[in-house]
ModelCIF file with pLDDT and N, C-alpha, C, O atoms, coordinates in Angstrom:
data_MODEL
#
_entry.id   MODEL 
#
_entity.id                         1 
_entity.type                       polymer 
_entity.pdbx_number_of_molecules   1 
#
_entity_poly.entity_id                      1 
_entity_poly.type                           'polypeptide(L)' 
_entity_poly.nstd_linkage                   no 
_entity_poly.nstd_monomer                   no 
_entity_poly.pdbx_seq_one_letter_code       KSIHAAEFFHGTIELCEEGTSLIMLYGEDDTRKLMDRVDNFTHML 
_entity_poly.pdbx_seq_one_letter_code_can   KSIHAAEFFHGTIELCEEGTSLIMLYGEDDTRKLMDRVDNFTHML 
_entity_poly.pdbx_strand_id                 A 
#
loop_
_entity_poly_seq.entity_id 
_entity_poly_seq.num 
_entity_poly_seq.mon_id 
_entity_poly_seq.hetero 
1 1  LYS n 
1 2  SER n 
1 3  ILE n 
1 4  HIS n 
1 5  ALA n 
1 6  ALA n 
1 7  GLU n 
1 8  PHE n 
1 9  PHE n 
1 10 HIS n 
1 11 GLY n 
1 12 THR n 
1 13 ILE n 
1 14 GLU n 
1 15 LEU n 
1 16 CYS n 
1 17 GLU n 
1 18 GLU n 
1 19 GLY n 
1 20 THR n 
1 21 SER n 
1 22 LEU n 
1 23 ILE n 
1 24 MET n 
1 25 LEU n 
1 26 TYR n 
1 27 GLY n 
1 28 GLU n 
1 29 ASP n 
1 30 ASP n 
1 31 THR n 
1 32 ARG n 
1 33 LYS n 
1 34 LEU n 
1 35 MET n 
1 36 ASP n 
1 37 ARG n 
1 38 VAL n 
1 39 ASP n 
1 40 ASN n 
1 41 PHE n 
1 42 THR n 
1 43 HIS n 
1 44 MET n 
1 45 LEU n 
#
_struct_asym.id          A 
_struct_asym.entity_id   1 
#
loop_
_ma_qa_metric.id 
_ma_qa_metric.mode 
_ma_qa_metric.name 
_ma_qa_metric.software_group_id 
_ma_qa_metric.type 
1 global pLDDT . pLDDT 
2 local  pLDDT . pLDDT 
#
_ma_qa_metric_global.metric_id      1 
_ma_qa_metric_global.metric_value   97.53 
_ma_qa_metric_global.model_id       1 
_ma_qa_metric_global.ordinal_id     1 
#
loop_
_ma_qa_metric_local.label_asym_id 
_ma_qa_metric_local.label_comp_id 
_ma_qa_metric_local.label_seq_id 
_ma_qa_metric_local.metric_id 
_ma_qa_metric_local.metric_value 
_ma_qa_metric_local.model_id 
_ma_qa_metric_local.ordinal_id 
A LYS 1  2 97.00 1 1  
A SER 2  2 98.00 1 2  
A ILE 3  2 98.00 1 3  
A HIS 4  2 98.00 1 4  
A ALA 5  2 98.00 1 5  
A ALA 6  2 97.00 1 6  
A GLU 7  2 98.00 1 7  
A PHE 8  2 98.00 1 8  
A PHE 9  2 97.00 1 9  
A HIS 10 2 97.00 1 10 
A GLY 11 2 95.00 1 11 
A THR 12 2 96.00 1 12 
A ILE 13 2 96.00 1 13 
A GLU 14 2 97.00 1 14 
A LEU 15 2 97.00 1 15 
A CYS 16 2 97.00 1 16 
A GLU 17 2 97.00 1 17 
A GLU 18 2 97.00 1 18 
A GLY 19 2 97.00 1 19 
A THR 20 2 98.00 1 20 
A SER 21 2 98.00 1 21 
A LEU 22 2 98.00 1 22 
A ILE 23 2 98.00 1 23 
A MET 24 2 98.00 1 24 
A LEU 25 2 98.00 1 25 
A TYR 26 2 98.00 1 26 
A GLY 27 2 97.00 1 27 
A GLU 28 2 98.00 1 28 
A ASP 29 2 97.00 1 29 
A ASP 30 2 97.00 1 30 
A THR 31 2 98.00 1 31 
A ARG 32 2 98.00 1 32 
A LYS 33 2 98.00 1 33 
A LEU 34 2 98.00 1 34 
A MET 35 2 98.00 1 35 
A ASP 36 2 98.00 1 36 
A ARG 37 2 98.00 1 37 
A VAL 38 2 98.00 1 38 
A ASP 39 2 98.00 1 39 
A ASN 40 2 98.00 1 40 
A PHE 41 2 98.00 1 41 
A THR 42 2 98.00 1 42 
A HIS 43 2 98.00 1 43 
A MET 44 2 98.00 1 44 
A LEU 45 2 97.00 1 45 
#
loop_
_atom_site.group_PDB 
_atom_site.id 
_atom_site.type_symbol 
_atom_site.label_atom_id 
_atom_site.label_alt_id 
_atom_site.label_comp_id 
_atom_site.label_asym_id 
_atom_site.label_entity_id 
_atom_site.label_seq_id 
_atom_site.pdbx_PDB_ins_code 
_atom_site.Cartn_x 
_atom_site.Cartn_y 
_atom_site.Cartn_z 
_atom_site.occupancy 
_atom_site.B_iso_or_equiv 
_atom_site.pdbx_formal_charge 
_atom_site.auth_seq_id 
_atom_site.auth_comp_id 
_atom_site.auth_asym_id 
_atom_site.auth_atom_id 
_atom_site.pdbx_PDB_model_num 
ATOM 1   N N  . LYS A 1 1  ? -2.300  10.203  -6.979  1.00 97.00 ? 1  LYS A N  1 
ATOM 2   C CA . LYS A 1 1  ? -1.186  9.912   -6.469  1.00 97.00 ? 1  LYS A CA 1 
ATOM 3   C C  . LYS A 1 1  ? -0.806  8.274   -6.740  1.00 97.00 ? 1  LYS A C  1 
ATOM 4   O O  . LYS A 1 1  ? -1.588  7.344   -6.547  1.00 97.00 ? 1  LYS A O  1 
ATOM 5   N N  . SER A 1 2  ? 0.731   8.145   -7.287  1.00 98.00 ? 2  SER A N  1 
ATOM 6   C CA . SER A 1 2  ? 1.078   6.944   -7.869  1.00 98.00 ? 2  SER A CA 1 
ATOM 7   C C  . SER A 1 2  ? 2.043   6.705   -6.676  1.00 98.00 ? 2  SER A C  1 
ATOM 8   O O  . SER A 1 2  ? 2.611   7.714   -6.259  1.00 98.00 ? 2  SER A O  1 
ATOM 9   N N  . ILE A 1 3  ? 2.308   5.564   -6.082  1.00 98.00 ? 3  ILE A N  1 
ATOM 10  C CA . ILE A 1 3  ? 3.190   5.060   -5.091  1.00 98.00 ? 3  ILE A CA 1 
ATOM 11  C C  . ILE A 1 3  ? 3.624   4.012   -5.116  1.00 98.00 ? 3  ILE A C  1 
ATOM 12  O O  . ILE A 1 3  ? 2.925   3.027   -5.351  1.00 98.00 ? 3  ILE A O  1 
ATOM 13  N N  . HIS A 1 4  ? 4.843   3.961   -4.888  1.00 98.00 ? 4  HIS A N  1 
ATOM 14  C CA . HIS A 1 4  ? 5.697   2.782   -4.802  1.00 98.00 ? 4  HIS A CA 1 
ATOM 15  C C  . HIS A 1 4  ? 5.658   1.880   -3.581  1.00 98.00 ? 4  HIS A C  1 
ATOM 16  O O  . HIS A 1 4  ? 6.169   2.295   -2.541  1.00 98.00 ? 4  HIS A O  1 
ATOM 17  N N  . ALA A 1 5  ? 5.064   0.618   -3.626  1.00 98.00 ? 5  ALA A N  1 
ATOM 18  C CA . ALA A 1 5  ? 4.869   -0.121  -2.630  1.00 98.00 ? 5  ALA A CA 1 
ATOM 19  C C  . ALA A 1 5  ? 5.433   -0.015  -1.195  1.00 98.00 ? 5  ALA A C  1 
ATOM 20  O O  . ALA A 1 5  ? 4.819   0.177   -0.146  1.00 98.00 ? 5  ALA A O  1 
ATOM 21  N N  . ALA A 1 6  ? 7.035   -0.224  -1.455  1.00 97.00 ? 6  ALA A N  1 
ATOM 22  C CA . ALA A 1 6  ? 8.071   0.088   -0.628  1.00 97.00 ? 6  ALA A CA 1 
ATOM 23  C C  . ALA A 1 6  ? 7.925   1.726   -0.260  1.00 97.00 ? 6  ALA A C  1 
ATOM 24  O O  . ALA A 1 6  ? 8.456   1.684   0.850   1.00 97.00 ? 6  ALA A O  1 
ATOM 25  N N  . GLU A 1 7  ? 7.688   2.645   -0.382  1.00 98.00 ? 7  GLU A N  1 
ATOM 26  C CA . GLU A 1 7  ? 7.348   3.872   -0.126  1.00 98.00 ? 7  GLU A CA 1 
ATOM 27  C C  . GLU A 1 7  ? 6.135   4.351   0.151   1.00 98.00 ? 7  GLU A C  1 
ATOM 28  O O  . GLU A 1 7  ? 6.041   5.575   0.237   1.00 98.00 ? 7  GLU A O  1 
ATOM 29  N N  . PHE A 1 8  ? 5.141   3.671   0.319   1.00 98.00 ? 8  PHE A N  1 
ATOM 30  C CA . PHE A 1 8  ? 3.931   3.935   1.184   1.00 98.00 ? 8  PHE A CA 1 
ATOM 31  C C  . PHE A 1 8  ? 4.197   4.452   2.739   1.00 98.00 ? 8  PHE A C  1 
ATOM 32  O O  . PHE A 1 8  ? 3.774   5.403   3.397   1.00 98.00 ? 8  PHE A O  1 
ATOM 33  N N  . PHE A 1 9  ? 4.913   3.589   2.943   1.00 97.00 ? 9  PHE A N  1 
ATOM 34  C CA . PHE A 1 9  ? 5.095   3.648   4.276   1.00 97.00 ? 9  PHE A CA 1 
ATOM 35  C C  . PHE A 1 9  ? 5.656   4.905   4.409   1.00 97.00 ? 9  PHE A C  1 
ATOM 36  O O  . PHE A 1 9  ? 5.011   5.378   5.345   1.00 97.00 ? 9  PHE A O  1 
ATOM 37  N N  . HIS A 1 10 ? 6.679   5.977   3.959   1.00 97.00 ? 10 HIS A N  1 
ATOM 38  C CA . HIS A 1 10 ? 7.342   6.927   4.114   1.00 97.00 ? 10 HIS A CA 1 
ATOM 39  C C  . HIS A 1 10 ? 6.440   8.296   3.819   1.00 97.00 ? 10 HIS A C  1 
ATOM 40  O O  . HIS A 1 10 ? 6.871   8.987   2.897   1.00 97.00 ? 10 HIS A O  1 
ATOM 41  N N  . GLY A 1 11 ? 5.474   8.676   4.361   1.00 95.00 ? 11 GLY A N  1 
ATOM 42  C CA . GLY A 1 11 ? 4.644   9.782   4.730   1.00 95.00 ? 11 GLY A CA 1 
ATOM 43  C C  . GLY A 1 11 ? 3.432   9.429   3.884   1.00 95.00 ? 11 GLY A C  1 
ATOM 44  O O  . GLY A 1 11 ? 2.382   9.663   4.482   1.00 95.00 ? 11 GLY A O  1 
ATOM 45  N N  . THR A 1 12 ? 3.289   8.963   2.738   1.00 96.00 ? 12 THR A N  1 
ATOM 46  C CA . THR A 1 12 ? 1.761   8.579   2.355   1.00 96.00 ? 12 THR A CA 1 
ATOM 47  C C  . THR A 1 12 ? 0.985   7.834   3.190   1.00 96.00 ? 12 THR A C  1 
ATOM 48  O O  . THR A 1 12 ? -0.195  8.162   3.062   1.00 96.00 ? 12 THR A O  1 
ATOM 49  N N  . ILE A 1 13 ? 1.180   6.817   4.132   1.00 96.00 ? 13 ILE A N  1 
ATOM 50  C CA . ILE A 1 13 ? 0.604   6.114   5.019   1.00 96.00 ? 13 ILE A CA 1 
ATOM 51  C C  . ILE A 1 13 ? -0.872  7.169   5.886   1.00 96.00 ? 13 ILE A C  1 
ATOM 52  O O  . ILE A 1 13 ? -2.026  6.976   6.267   1.00 96.00 ? 13 ILE A O  1 
ATOM 53  N N  . GLU A 1 14 ? 0.262   8.433   5.826   1.00 97.00 ? 14 GLU A N  1 
ATOM 54  C CA . GLU A 1 14 ? -0.858  9.181   6.831   1.00 97.00 ? 14 GLU A CA 1 
ATOM 55  C C  . GLU A 1 14 ? -1.541  9.905   6.113   1.00 97.00 ? 14 GLU A C  1 
ATOM 56  O O  . GLU A 1 14 ? -2.246  10.703  6.729   1.00 97.00 ? 14 GLU A O  1 
ATOM 57  N N  . LEU A 1 15 ? -1.601  9.929   4.975   1.00 97.00 ? 15 LEU A N  1 
ATOM 58  C CA . LEU A 1 15 ? -3.329  10.273  4.290   1.00 97.00 ? 15 LEU A CA 1 
ATOM 59  C C  . LEU A 1 15 ? -3.925  9.320   4.363   1.00 97.00 ? 15 LEU A C  1 
ATOM 60  O O  . LEU A 1 15 ? -4.971  9.591   3.773   1.00 97.00 ? 15 LEU A O  1 
ATOM 61  N N  . CYS A 1 16 ? -4.008  7.870   4.860   1.00 97.00 ? 16 CYS A N  1 
ATOM 62  C CA . CYS A 1 16 ? -5.028  6.919   4.983   1.00 97.00 ? 16 CYS A CA 1 
ATOM 63  C C  . CYS A 1 16 ? -6.061  7.436   6.182   1.00 97.00 ? 16 CYS A C  1 
ATOM 64  O O  . CYS A 1 16 ? -5.787  7.235   7.365   1.00 97.00 ? 16 CYS A O  1 
ATOM 65  N N  . GLU A 1 17 ? -7.411  8.199   5.717   1.00 97.00 ? 17 GLU A N  1 
ATOM 66  C CA . GLU A 1 17 ? -8.367  7.967   6.585   1.00 97.00 ? 17 GLU A CA 1 
ATOM 67  C C  . GLU A 1 17 ? -9.535  7.647   5.937   1.00 97.00 ? 17 GLU A C  1 
ATOM 68  O O  . GLU A 1 17 ? -9.485  7.374   4.737   1.00 97.00 ? 17 GLU A O  1 
ATOM 69  N N  . GLU A 1 18 ? -10.943 7.631   6.740   1.00 97.00 ? 18 GLU A N  1 
ATOM 70  C CA . GLU A 1 18 ? -11.775 6.366   6.543   1.00 97.00 ? 18 GLU A CA 1 
ATOM 71  C C  . GLU A 1 18 ? -12.425 7.135   4.746   1.00 97.00 ? 18 GLU A C  1 
ATOM 72  O O  . GLU A 1 18 ? -12.670 8.270   4.337   1.00 97.00 ? 18 GLU A O  1 
ATOM 73  N N  . GLY A 1 19 ? -12.467 5.845   4.204   1.00 97.00 ? 19 GLY A N  1 
ATOM 74  C CA . GLY A 1 19 ? -12.770 5.723   2.378   1.00 97.00 ? 19 GLY A CA 1 
ATOM 75  C C  . GLY A 1 19 ? -12.233 6.264   1.314   1.00 97.00 ? 19 GLY A C  1 
ATOM 76  O O  . GLY A 1 19 ? -12.696 6.689   0.255   1.00 97.00 ? 19 GLY A O  1 
ATOM 77  N N  . THR A 1 20 ? -10.547 6.132   2.031   1.00 98.00 ? 20 THR A N  1 
ATOM 78  C CA . THR A 1 20 ? -9.622  6.818   1.046   1.00 98.00 ? 20 THR A CA 1 
ATOM 79  C C  . THR A 1 20 ? -9.631  5.428   0.183   1.00 98.00 ? 20 THR A C  1 
ATOM 80  O O  . THR A 1 20 ? -9.945  4.300   0.562   1.00 98.00 ? 20 THR A O  1 
ATOM 81  N N  . SER A 1 21 ? -9.230  5.831   -0.974  1.00 98.00 ? 21 SER A N  1 
ATOM 82  C CA . SER A 1 21 ? -9.336  4.735   -2.098  1.00 98.00 ? 21 SER A CA 1 
ATOM 83  C C  . SER A 1 21 ? -7.998  4.090   -2.521  1.00 98.00 ? 21 SER A C  1 
ATOM 84  O O  . SER A 1 21 ? -7.218  4.642   -3.298  1.00 98.00 ? 21 SER A O  1 
ATOM 85  N N  . LEU A 1 22 ? -7.920  3.646   -2.313  1.00 98.00 ? 22 LEU A N  1 
ATOM 86  C CA . LEU A 1 22 ? -6.445  2.697   -2.913  1.00 98.00 ? 22 LEU A CA 1 
ATOM 87  C C  . LEU A 1 22 ? -6.561  1.561   -3.356  1.00 98.00 ? 22 LEU A C  1 
ATOM 88  O O  . LEU A 1 22 ? -7.061  0.582   -2.801  1.00 98.00 ? 22 LEU A O  1 
ATOM 89  N N  . ILE A 1 23 ? -5.873  1.692   -4.882  1.00 98.00 ? 23 ILE A N  1 
ATOM 90  C CA . ILE A 1 23 ? -5.946  0.817   -6.067  1.00 98.00 ? 23 ILE A CA 1 
ATOM 91  C C  . ILE A 1 23 ? -4.931  0.407   -6.172  1.00 98.00 ? 23 ILE A C  1 
ATOM 92  O O  . ILE A 1 23 ? -4.005  1.152   -6.493  1.00 98.00 ? 23 ILE A O  1 
ATOM 93  N N  . MET A 1 24 ? -4.684  -1.321  -5.872  1.00 98.00 ? 24 MET A N  1 
ATOM 94  C CA . MET A 1 24 ? -3.075  -1.973  -5.724  1.00 98.00 ? 24 MET A CA 1 
ATOM 95  C C  . MET A 1 24 ? -3.275  -2.732  -7.614  1.00 98.00 ? 24 MET A C  1 
ATOM 96  O O  . MET A 1 24 ? -4.056  -3.290  -8.384  1.00 98.00 ? 24 MET A O  1 
ATOM 97  N N  . LEU A 1 25 ? -2.200  -2.304  -7.492  1.00 98.00 ? 25 LEU A N  1 
ATOM 98  C CA . LEU A 1 25 ? -1.666  -3.263  -8.943  1.00 98.00 ? 25 LEU A CA 1 
ATOM 99  C C  . LEU A 1 25 ? -0.693  -4.440  -8.379  1.00 98.00 ? 25 LEU A C  1 
ATOM 100 O O  . LEU A 1 25 ? 0.515   -4.334  -8.166  1.00 98.00 ? 25 LEU A O  1 
ATOM 101 N N  . TYR A 1 26 ? -1.385  -5.410  -8.218  1.00 98.00 ? 26 TYR A N  1 
ATOM 102 C CA . TYR A 1 26 ? -0.755  -6.733  -7.789  1.00 98.00 ? 26 TYR A CA 1 
ATOM 103 C C  . TYR A 1 26 ? 0.071   -7.014  -9.079  1.00 98.00 ? 26 TYR A C  1 
ATOM 104 O O  . TYR A 1 26 ? -0.494  -6.694  -10.124 1.00 98.00 ? 26 TYR A O  1 
ATOM 105 N N  . GLY A 1 27 ? 1.625   -7.697  -9.206  1.00 97.00 ? 27 GLY A N  1 
ATOM 106 C CA . GLY A 1 27 ? 2.036   -8.657  -10.218 1.00 97.00 ? 27 GLY A CA 1 
ATOM 107 C C  . GLY A 1 27 ? 2.624   -9.757  -9.521  1.00 97.00 ? 27 GLY A C  1 
ATOM 108 O O  . GLY A 1 27 ? 2.360   -10.154 -8.386  1.00 97.00 ? 27 GLY A O  1 
ATOM 109 N N  . GLU A 1 28 ? 3.491   -10.218 -10.379 1.00 98.00 ? 28 GLU A N  1 
ATOM 110 C CA . GLU A 1 28 ? 4.190   -11.742 -9.646  1.00 98.00 ? 28 GLU A CA 1 
ATOM 111 C C  . GLU A 1 28 ? 5.749   -12.119 -9.968  1.00 98.00 ? 28 GLU A C  1 
ATOM 112 O O  . GLU A 1 28 ? 6.318   -13.120 -10.404 1.00 98.00 ? 28 GLU A O  1 
ATOM 113 N N  . ASP A 1 29 ? 6.327   -10.263 -9.355  1.00 97.00 ? 29 ASP A N  1 
ATOM 114 C CA . ASP A 1 29 ? 7.959   -10.592 -9.670  1.00 97.00 ? 29 ASP A CA 1 
ATOM 115 C C  . ASP A 1 29 ? 7.754   -10.849 -8.040  1.00 97.00 ? 29 ASP A C  1 
ATOM 116 O O  . ASP A 1 29 ? 6.696   -11.051 -7.444  1.00 97.00 ? 29 ASP A O  1 
ATOM 117 N N  . ASP A 1 30 ? 9.337   -10.764 -7.421  1.00 97.00 ? 30 ASP A N  1 
ATOM 118 C CA . ASP A 1 30 ? 9.981   -10.685 -6.393  1.00 97.00 ? 30 ASP A CA 1 
ATOM 119 C C  . ASP A 1 30 ? 9.440   -9.584  -5.057  1.00 97.00 ? 30 ASP A C  1 
ATOM 120 O O  . ASP A 1 30 ? 9.516   -9.815  -3.851  1.00 97.00 ? 30 ASP A O  1 
ATOM 121 N N  . THR A 1 31 ? 8.866   -8.305  -5.764  1.00 98.00 ? 31 THR A N  1 
ATOM 122 C CA . THR A 1 31 ? 8.219   -7.744  -5.152  1.00 98.00 ? 31 THR A CA 1 
ATOM 123 C C  . THR A 1 31 ? 6.841   -7.342  -4.800  1.00 98.00 ? 31 THR A C  1 
ATOM 124 O O  . THR A 1 31 ? 6.404   -6.208  -4.603  1.00 98.00 ? 31 THR A O  1 
ATOM 125 N N  . ARG A 1 32 ? 6.222   -8.518  -4.757  1.00 98.00 ? 32 ARG A N  1 
ATOM 126 C CA . ARG A 1 32 ? 4.756   -9.227  -4.566  1.00 98.00 ? 32 ARG A CA 1 
ATOM 127 C C  . ARG A 1 32 ? 4.646   -8.875  -3.125  1.00 98.00 ? 32 ARG A C  1 
ATOM 128 O O  . ARG A 1 32 ? 3.627   -8.328  -2.702  1.00 98.00 ? 32 ARG A O  1 
ATOM 129 N N  . LYS A 1 33 ? 5.787   -9.202  -2.250  1.00 98.00 ? 33 LYS A N  1 
ATOM 130 C CA . LYS A 1 33 ? 5.520   -9.161  -0.748  1.00 98.00 ? 33 LYS A CA 1 
ATOM 131 C C  . LYS A 1 33 ? 5.401   -7.786  -0.524  1.00 98.00 ? 33 LYS A C  1 
ATOM 132 O O  . LYS A 1 33 ? 4.557   -7.676  0.366   1.00 98.00 ? 33 LYS A O  1 
ATOM 133 N N  . LEU A 1 34 ? 5.803   -6.659  -0.864  1.00 98.00 ? 34 LEU A N  1 
ATOM 134 C CA . LEU A 1 34 ? 6.111   -5.491  -0.683  1.00 98.00 ? 34 LEU A CA 1 
ATOM 135 C C  . LEU A 1 34 ? 4.151   -5.025  -0.734  1.00 98.00 ? 34 LEU A C  1 
ATOM 136 O O  . LEU A 1 34 ? 3.518   -4.639  0.249   1.00 98.00 ? 34 LEU A O  1 
ATOM 137 N N  . MET A 1 35 ? 3.678   -5.186  -1.905  1.00 98.00 ? 35 MET A N  1 
ATOM 138 C CA . MET A 1 35 ? 2.562   -5.154  -1.823  1.00 98.00 ? 35 MET A CA 1 
ATOM 139 C C  . MET A 1 35 ? 1.570   -5.635  -1.153  1.00 98.00 ? 35 MET A C  1 
ATOM 140 O O  . MET A 1 35 ? 0.444   -5.137  -1.134  1.00 98.00 ? 35 MET A O  1 
ATOM 141 N N  . ASP A 1 36 ? 1.949   -6.716  -0.509  1.00 98.00 ? 36 ASP A N  1 
ATOM 142 C CA . ASP A 1 36 ? 1.203   -7.774  0.852   1.00 98.00 ? 36 ASP A CA 1 
ATOM 143 C C  . ASP A 1 36 ? 1.590   -6.655  1.821   1.00 98.00 ? 36 ASP A C  1 
ATOM 144 O O  . ASP A 1 36 ? 0.492   -6.188  2.124   1.00 98.00 ? 36 ASP A O  1 
ATOM 145 N N  . ARG A 1 37 ? 2.334   -6.095  2.349   1.00 98.00 ? 37 ARG A N  1 
ATOM 146 C CA . ARG A 1 37 ? 2.824   -5.339  3.627   1.00 98.00 ? 37 ARG A CA 1 
ATOM 147 C C  . ARG A 1 37 ? 1.740   -4.258  3.366   1.00 98.00 ? 37 ARG A C  1 
ATOM 148 O O  . ARG A 1 37 ? 1.108   -3.859  4.344   1.00 98.00 ? 37 ARG A O  1 
ATOM 149 N N  . VAL A 1 38 ? 1.482   -3.780  2.216   1.00 98.00 ? 38 VAL A N  1 
ATOM 150 C CA . VAL A 1 38 ? 0.583   -2.589  2.528   1.00 98.00 ? 38 VAL A CA 1 
ATOM 151 C C  . VAL A 1 38 ? -0.930  -2.928  2.344   1.00 98.00 ? 38 VAL A C  1 
ATOM 152 O O  . VAL A 1 38 ? -1.864  -2.153  2.551   1.00 98.00 ? 38 VAL A O  1 
ATOM 153 N N  . ASP A 1 39 ? -1.007  -4.251  1.910   1.00 98.00 ? 39 ASP A N  1 
ATOM 154 C CA . ASP A 1 39 ? -2.630  -4.704  2.153   1.00 98.00 ? 39 ASP A CA 1 
ATOM 155 C C  . ASP A 1 39 ? -2.775  -5.316  3.512   1.00 98.00 ? 39 ASP A C  1 
ATOM 156 O O  . ASP A 1 39 ? -3.910  -5.487  3.956   1.00 98.00 ? 39 ASP A O  1 
ATOM 157 N N  . ASN A 1 40 ? -1.436  -5.753  4.401   1.00 98.00 ? 40 ASN A N  1 
ATOM 158 C CA . ASN A 1 40 ? -1.970  -6.188  5.423   1.00 98.00 ? 40 ASN A CA 1 
ATOM 159 C C  . ASN A 1 40 ? -2.408  -4.982  6.159   1.00 98.00 ? 40 ASN A C  1 
ATOM 160 O O  . ASN A 1 40 ? -3.431  -4.905  6.839   1.00 98.00 ? 40 ASN A O  1 
ATOM 161 N N  . PHE A 1 41 ? -1.396  -3.897  5.926   1.00 98.00 ? 41 PHE A N  1 
ATOM 162 C CA . PHE A 1 41 ? -1.485  -2.238  6.725   1.00 98.00 ? 41 PHE A CA 1 
ATOM 163 C C  . PHE A 1 41 ? -3.016  -2.039  7.032   1.00 98.00 ? 41 PHE A C  1 
ATOM 164 O O  . PHE A 1 41 ? -3.550  -1.845  8.124   1.00 98.00 ? 41 PHE A O  1 
ATOM 165 N N  . THR A 1 42 ? -3.678  -2.155  5.566   1.00 98.00 ? 42 THR A N  1 
ATOM 166 C CA . THR A 1 42 ? -5.494  -1.758  5.974   1.00 98.00 ? 42 THR A CA 1 
ATOM 167 C C  . THR A 1 42 ? -6.005  -2.253  6.356   1.00 98.00 ? 42 THR A C  1 
ATOM 168 O O  . THR A 1 42 ? -7.112  -1.808  6.657   1.00 98.00 ? 42 THR A O  1 
ATOM 169 N N  . HIS A 1 43 ? -5.703  -3.424  6.637   1.00 98.00 ? 43 HIS A N  1 
ATOM 170 C CA . HIS A 1 43 ? -6.562  -4.455  7.738   1.00 98.00 ? 43 HIS A CA 1 
ATOM 171 C C  . HIS A 1 43 ? -6.404  -3.985  8.857   1.00 98.00 ? 43 HIS A C  1 
ATOM 172 O O  . HIS A 1 43 ? -7.385  -3.531  9.447   1.00 98.00 ? 43 HIS A O  1 
ATOM 173 N N  . MET A 1 44 ? -4.966  -3.964  9.526   1.00 98.00 ? 44 MET A N  1 
ATOM 174 C CA . MET A 1 44 ? -4.632  -3.518  10.485  1.00 98.00 ? 44 MET A CA 1 
ATOM 175 C C  . MET A 1 44 ? -5.283  -2.404  10.990  1.00 98.00 ? 44 MET A C  1 
ATOM 176 O O  . MET A 1 44 ? -5.772  -2.306  12.115  1.00 98.00 ? 44 MET A O  1 
ATOM 177 N N  . LEU A 1 45 ? -5.265  -1.089  9.615   1.00 97.00 ? 45 LEU A N  1 
ATOM 178 C CA . LEU A 1 45 ? -6.642  -0.031  10.209  1.00 97.00 ? 45 LEU A CA 1 
ATOM 179 C C  . LEU A 1 45 ? -7.664  -0.313  10.703  1.00 97.00 ? 45 LEU A C  1 
ATOM 180 O O  . LEU A 1 45 ? -8.456  0.571   11.030  1.00 97.00 ? 45 LEU A O  1 
#
């Protein structure tokens, strides 16, 4: 599933289970903080 970082928390978040694979593509534009939010959530999990 391809997921926009801003939309990750609107449904897809519930599919994160033990061992779920997340491949994160980090760029260098102003939306980088949206990627950080997803990454921070994985640590909270």
